[in-house]
């Protein structure tokens, strides 16, 4: 799967070919087909892995929060760290969804809805608790998701910011988007947002 990921990042799904992928992982083409019957199967495996991993990490992050605002900030940190520290996976997860054949779209779309729902739940709960003031919670939640998933399009590991620095910055942006009524900087310090290393 790592060889296919590298090829998809370098050439795009449609530009990559199975012979090159087989060479990258030291297999013959028939040997590669033993593991994955088609190039589409490789893409499905990568995209499903991306969403399954993000969901598991996101649920673990939320479990550490005691309030909607805490859970929301931790969720943003988690997804930002993933898309920055695992940039190639995040990039393919965002850019090659369009390359899925119709028969393979449903499962990945369901996982994406589950991920988006995690944000929706905390924004709705935050409004109910008075921690957030937001006229359009669905739009705010969608904008925050877009911030996180758009990171691989520009983030570089050799750039001026580390994944942790971006995570802290984006958590602050996200709290502003949902109209957090408390002190964002105080909340981020209390949660140590941007201090935890990304565990691969």
Foldseek 3Di string as FASTA:
>chain_A
DVLLLVQCLVQNLVGGDQCSSCVVVVHHSVVVCVVPVDSLSVLLVLLVVLLVVLVVQLVVQLVPDDALLSSLLSNLLSLLLCCQVVVSSLCSNPPVLVVHDPVSNVVSVVSVVVSLVSLLVSLVRCVVVVQFDAPDSSVLSVVLVCVRSCCSVDHDCPDPDHSLRVSLVSSLVSCVSRHGPDDSVVSCVVSVRSNDHDDD
